[in-house]
PDB file of N, CA and C in Angstrom:
ATOM      1  N   MET A   1      -7.624   7.067 -13.290  1.00  0.00           N
ATOM      2  CA  MET A   1      -8.342   7.200 -12.043  1.00  0.00           C
ATOM      3  C   MET A   1      -8.016   6.016 -11.136  1.00  0.00           C
ATOM      4  N   THR A   2      -7.896   6.273  -9.872  1.00  0.00           N
ATOM      5  CA  THR A   2      -7.663   5.192  -8.924  1.00  0.00           C
ATOM      6  C   THR A   2      -8.835   5.090  -7.970  1.00  0.00           C
ATOM      7  N   LYS A   3      -8.947   3.924  -7.357  1.00  0.00           N
ATOM      8  CA  LYS A   3      -9.998   3.667  -6.392  1.00  0.00           C
ATOM      9  C   LYS A   3      -9.398   2.840  -5.267  1.00  0.00           C
ATOM     10  N   ASN A   4      -9.742   3.132  -4.046  1.00  0.00           N
ATOM     11  CA  ASN A   4      -9.225   2.393  -2.908  1.00  0.00           C
ATOM     12  C   ASN A   4      -9.980   1.090  -2.720  1.00  0.00           C
ATOM     13  N   ILE A   5      -9.232   0.051  -2.323  1.00  0.00           N
ATOM     14  CA  ILE A   5      -9.824  -1.212  -1.914  1.00  0.00           C
ATOM     15  C   ILE A   5      -9.250  -1.553  -0.537  1.00  0.00           C
ATOM     16  N   ILE A   6      -9.875  -2.475   0.144  1.00  0.00           N
ATOM     17  CA  ILE A   6      -9.393  -2.891   1.465  1.00  0.00           C
ATOM     18  C   ILE A   6      -8.936  -4.336   1.370  1.00  0.00           C
ATOM     19  N   ILE A   7      -7.713  -4.584   1.838  1.00  0.00           N
ATOM     20  CA  ILE A   7      -7.159  -5.934   1.886  1.00  0.00           C
ATOM     21  C   ILE A   7      -6.734  -6.198   3.321  1.00  0.00           C
ATOM     22  N   SER A   8      -7.181  -7.296   3.896  1.00  0.00           N
ATOM     23  CA  SER A   8      -6.840  -7.632   5.273  1.00  0.00           C
ATOM     24  C   SER A   8      -5.399  -8.116   5.371  1.00  0.00           C
ATOM     25  N   VAL A   9      -4.698  -7.599   6.366  1.00  0.00           N
ATOM     26  CA  VAL A   9      -3.331  -8.022   6.681  1.00  0.00           C
ATOM     27  C   VAL A   9      -3.236  -8.167   8.202  1.00  0.00           C
ATOM     28  N   SER A  10      -2.148  -8.745   8.661  1.00  0.00           N
ATOM     29  CA  SER A  10      -1.968  -8.897  10.105  1.00  0.00           C
ATOM     30  C   SER A  10      -1.806  -7.531  10.766  1.00  0.00           C
ATOM     31  N   SER A  11      -2.048  -7.485  12.057  1.00  0.00           N
ATOM     32  CA  SER A  11      -1.884  -6.247  12.818  1.00  0.00           C
ATOM     33  C   SER A  11      -0.463  -5.730  12.736  1.00  0.00           C
ATOM     34  N   GLU A  12       0.501  -6.657  12.768  1.00  0.00           N
ATOM     35  CA  GLU A  12       1.906  -6.267  12.692  1.00  0.00           C
ATOM     36  C   GLU A  12       2.226  -5.621  11.351  1.00  0.00           C
ATOM     37  N   THR A  13       1.705  -6.185  10.277  1.00  0.00           N
ATOM     38  CA  THR A  13       1.937  -5.635   8.939  1.00  0.00           C
ATOM     39  C   THR A  13       1.297  -4.257   8.821  1.00  0.00           C
ATOM     40  N   ALA A  14       0.081  -4.124   9.310  1.00  0.00           N
ATOM     41  CA  ALA A  14      -0.611  -2.830   9.245  1.00  0.00           C
ATOM     42  C   ALA A  14       0.144  -1.765  10.036  1.00  0.00           C
ATOM     43  N   SER A  15       0.629  -2.126  11.212  1.00  0.00           N
ATOM     44  CA  SER A  15       1.377  -1.169  12.033  1.00  0.00           C
ATOM     45  C   SER A  15       2.677  -0.752  11.356  1.00  0.00           C
ATOM     46  N   ALA A  16       3.385  -1.745  10.804  1.00  0.00           N
ATOM     47  CA  ALA A  16       4.648  -1.439  10.118  1.00  0.00           C
ATOM     48  C   ALA A  16       4.396  -0.517   8.930  1.00  0.00           C
ATOM     49  N   PHE A  17       3.335  -0.782   8.171  1.00  0.00           N
ATOM     50  CA  PHE A  17       3.002   0.047   7.016  1.00  0.00           C
ATOM     51  C   PHE A  17       2.639   1.466   7.455  1.00  0.00           C
ATOM     52  N   ASP A  18       1.837   1.566   8.508  1.00  0.00           N
ATOM     53  CA  ASP A  18       1.414   2.877   9.014  1.00  0.00           C
ATOM     54  C   ASP A  18       2.593   3.715   9.500  1.00  0.00           C
ATOM     55  N   ASN A  19       3.650   3.058   9.938  1.00  0.00           N
ATOM     56  CA  ASN A  19       4.810   3.765  10.480  1.00  0.00           C
ATOM     57  C   ASN A  19       5.837   4.168   9.420  1.00  0.00           C
ATOM     58  N   LEU A  20       5.610   3.801   8.179  1.00  0.00           N
ATOM     59  CA  LEU A  20       6.540   4.158   7.107  1.00  0.00           C
ATOM     60  C   LEU A  20       6.382   5.619   6.711  1.00  0.00           C
ATOM     61  N   LEU A  21       7.443   6.172   6.162  1.00  0.00           N
ATOM     62  CA  LEU A  21       7.349   7.505   5.581  1.00  0.00           C
ATOM     63  C   LEU A  21       6.398   7.461   4.388  1.00  0.00           C
ATOM     64  N   LEU A  22       5.733   8.562   4.125  1.00  0.00           N
ATOM     65  CA  LEU A  22       4.742   8.629   3.049  1.00  0.00           C
ATOM     66  C   LEU A  22       5.322   8.184   1.717  1.00  0.00           C
ATOM     67  N   GLU A  23       6.548   8.588   1.402  1.00  0.00           N
ATOM     68  CA  GLU A  23       7.161   8.218   0.121  1.00  0.00           C
ATOM     69  C   GLU A  23       7.288   6.697  -0.018  1.00  0.00           C
ATOM     70  N   LYS A  24       7.716   6.036   1.050  1.00  0.00           N
ATOM     71  CA  LYS A  24       7.875   4.578   1.000  1.00  0.00           C
ATOM     72  C   LYS A  24       6.514   3.884   0.918  1.00  0.00           C
ATOM     73  N   ARG A  25       5.517   4.414   1.644  1.00  0.00           N
ATOM     74  CA  ARG A  25       4.166   3.851   1.557  1.00  0.00           C
ATOM     75  C   ARG A  25       3.630   3.954   0.133  1.00  0.00           C
ATOM     76  N   ASN A  26       3.851   5.095  -0.512  1.00  0.00           N
ATOM     77  CA  ASN A  26       3.391   5.277  -1.892  1.00  0.00           C
ATOM     78  C   ASN A  26       4.065   4.295  -2.839  1.00  0.00           C
ATOM     79  N   LYS A  27       5.362   4.066  -2.652  1.00  0.00           N
ATOM     80  CA  LYS A  27       6.077   3.113  -3.500  1.00  0.00           C
ATOM     81  C   LYS A  27       5.532   1.701  -3.324  1.00  0.00           C
ATOM     82  N   ILE A  28       5.259   1.323  -2.086  1.00  0.00           N
ATOM     83  CA  ILE A  28       4.704  -0.009  -1.820  1.00  0.00           C
ATOM     84  C   ILE A  28       3.304  -0.125  -2.407  1.00  0.00           C
ATOM     85  N   GLN A  29       2.489   0.910  -2.264  1.00  0.00           N
ATOM     86  CA  GLN A  29       1.143   0.883  -2.832  1.00  0.00           C
ATOM     87  C   GLN A  29       1.193   0.747  -4.349  1.00  0.00           C
ATOM     88  N   ASN A  30       2.093   1.477  -4.991  1.00  0.00           N
ATOM     89  CA  ASN A  30       2.223   1.379  -6.449  1.00  0.00           C
ATOM     90  C   ASN A  30       2.661  -0.011  -6.863  1.00  0.00           C
ATOM     91  N   PHE A  31       3.633  -0.571  -6.141  1.00  0.00           N
ATOM     92  CA  PHE A  31       4.119  -1.922  -6.438  1.00  0.00           C
ATOM     93  C   PHE A  31       2.983  -2.941  -6.299  1.00  0.00           C
ATOM     94  N   LEU A  32       2.257  -2.879  -5.186  1.00  0.00           N
ATOM     95  CA  LEU A  32       1.178  -3.834  -4.959  1.00  0.00           C
ATOM     96  C   LEU A  32       0.053  -3.664  -5.977  1.00  0.00           C
ATOM     97  N   SER A  33      -0.225  -2.429  -6.359  1.00  0.00           N
ATOM     98  CA  SER A  33      -1.249  -2.181  -7.365  1.00  0.00           C
ATOM     99  C   SER A  33      -0.884  -2.838  -8.698  1.00  0.00           C
ATOM    100  N   LEU A  34       0.372  -2.675  -9.092  1.00  0.00           N
ATOM    101  CA  LEU A  34       0.827  -3.292 -10.350  1.00  0.00           C
ATOM    102  C   LEU A  34       0.802  -4.814 -10.264  1.00  0.00           C
ATOM    103  N   GLN A  35       1.210  -5.366  -9.132  1.00  0.00           N
ATOM    104  CA  GLN A  35       1.206  -6.815  -8.967  1.00  0.00           C
ATOM    105  C   GLN A  35      -0.210  -7.367  -8.999  1.00  0.00           C
ATOM    106  N   LEU A  36      -1.132  -6.690  -8.345  1.00  0.00           N
ATOM    107  CA  LEU A  36      -2.523  -7.140  -8.345  1.00  0.00           C
ATOM    108  C   LEU A  36      -3.120  -7.055  -9.740  1.00  0.00           C
ATOM    109  N   GLU A  37      -2.838  -5.975 -10.434  1.00  0.00           N
ATOM    110  CA  GLU A  37      -3.335  -5.813 -11.809  1.00  0.00           C
ATOM    111  C   GLU A  37      -2.812  -6.938 -12.702  1.00  0.00           C
ATOM    112  N   THR A  38      -1.533  -7.250 -12.570  1.00  0.00           N
ATOM    113  CA  THR A  38      -0.920  -8.331 -13.349  1.00  0.00           C
ATOM    114  C   THR A  38      -1.554  -9.671 -12.998  1.00  0.00           C
ATOM    115  N   ALA A  39      -1.729  -9.929 -11.719  1.00  0.00           N
ATOM    116  CA  ALA A  39      -2.300 -11.207 -11.271  1.00  0.00           C
ATOM    117  C   ALA A  39      -3.722 -11.392 -11.785  1.00  0.00           C
ATOM    118  N   LEU A  40      -4.498 -10.319 -11.812  1.00  0.00           N
ATOM    119  CA  LEU A  40      -5.883 -10.423 -12.259  1.00  0.00           C
ATOM    120  C   LEU A  40      -5.998 -10.633 -13.766  1.00  0.00           C
ATOM    121  N   LYS A  41      -5.027 -10.155 -14.524  1.00  0.00           N
ATOM    122  CA  LYS A  41      -5.038 -10.311 -15.978  1.00  0.00           C
ATOM    123  C   LYS A  41      -4.414 -11.623 -16.420  1.00  0.00           C
ATOM    124  N   CYS A  42      -3.640 -12.216 -15.550  1.00  0.00           N
ATOM    125  CA  CYS A  42      -2.818 -13.366 -15.908  1.00  0.00           C
ATOM    126  C   CYS A  42      -3.623 -14.660 -15.884  1.00  0.00           C
ATOM    127  N   LYS A  43      -3.283 -15.559 -16.791  1.00  0.00           N
ATOM    128  CA  LYS A  43      -3.943 -16.861 -16.857  1.00  0.00           C
ATOM    129  C   LYS A  43      -3.217 -17.900 -16.003  1.00  0.00           C
ATOM    130  N   GLN A  44      -2.044 -17.522 -15.444  1.00  0.00           N
ATOM    131  CA  GLN A  44      -1.292 -18.447 -14.609  1.00  0.00           C
ATOM    132  C   GLN A  44      -1.992 -18.649 -13.268  1.00  0.00           C
ATOM    133  N   SER A  45      -1.625 -19.729 -12.596  1.00  0.00           N
ATOM    134  CA  SER A  45      -2.164 -19.965 -11.263  1.00  0.00           C
ATOM    135  C   SER A  45      -1.568 -18.950 -10.297  1.00  0.00           C
ATOM    136  N   LEU A  46      -2.255 -18.721  -9.201  1.00  0.00           N
ATOM    137  CA  LEU A  46      -1.775 -17.787  -8.187  1.00  0.00           C
ATOM    138  C   LEU A  46      -0.408 -18.212  -7.660  1.00  0.00           C
ATOM    139  N   LEU A  47      -0.202 -19.509  -7.489  1.00  0.00           N
ATOM    140  CA  LEU A  47       1.093 -19.998  -7.007  1.00  0.00           C
ATOM    141  C   LEU A  47       2.217 -19.608  -7.952  1.00  0.00           C
ATOM    142  N   LYS A  48       2.029 -19.754  -9.254  1.00  0.00           N
ATOM    143  CA  LYS A  48       3.062 -19.383 -10.223  1.00  0.00           C
ATOM    144  C   LYS A  48       3.332 -17.880 -10.180  1.00  0.00           C
ATOM    145  N   ILE A  49       2.301 -17.087  -9.999  1.00  0.00           N
ATOM    146  CA  ILE A  49       2.470 -15.634  -9.913  1.00  0.00           C
ATOM    147  C   ILE A  49       3.317 -15.287  -8.694  1.00  0.00           C
ATOM    148  N   ILE A  50       3.004 -15.901  -7.561  1.00  0.00           N
ATOM    149  CA  ILE A  50       3.767 -15.631  -6.340  1.00  0.00           C
ATOM    150  C   ILE A  50       5.201 -16.056  -6.492  1.00  0.00           C
ATOM    151  N   VAL A  51       5.451 -17.197  -7.097  1.00  0.00           N
ATOM    152  CA  VAL A  51       6.820 -17.669  -7.327  1.00  0.00           C
ATOM    153  C   VAL A  51       7.579 -16.683  -8.204  1.00  0.00           C
ATOM    154  N   ASN A  52       6.931 -16.162  -9.237  1.00  0.00           N
ATOM    155  CA  ASN A  52       7.573 -15.190 -10.126  1.00  0.00           C
ATOM    156  C   ASN A  52       7.907 -13.893  -9.401  1.00  0.00           C
ATOM    157  N   ILE A  53       7.053 -13.464  -8.497  1.00  0.00           N
ATOM    158  CA  ILE A  53       7.309 -12.250  -7.732  1.00  0.00           C
ATOM    159  C   ILE A  53       8.525 -12.452  -6.833  1.00  0.00           C
ATOM    160  N   CYS A  54       8.636 -13.627  -6.256  1.00  0.00           N
ATOM    161  CA  CYS A  54       9.691 -13.902  -5.276  1.00  0.00           C
ATOM    162  C   CYS A  54      11.046 -14.213  -5.928  1.00  0.00           C
ATOM    163  N   GLU A  55      11.096 -14.440  -7.199  1.00  0.00           N
ATOM    164  CA  GLU A  55      12.365 -14.771  -7.859  1.00  0.00           C
ATOM    165  C   GLU A  55      13.233 -13.570  -8.041  1.00  0.00           C
TER     166      GLU A  55
END
């Protein structure tokens, strides 16, 4: 089961996301969902998590 949450982003980011094709939006949502789930379970600092994502 999934549940929606609201995360604040800049107006530019929201507009760019809204203008994507549905398939690409779904892929980004799935990616962000997995990253958030990993970050919440992880004992590492947020900075280390972000560095790992960007590598």
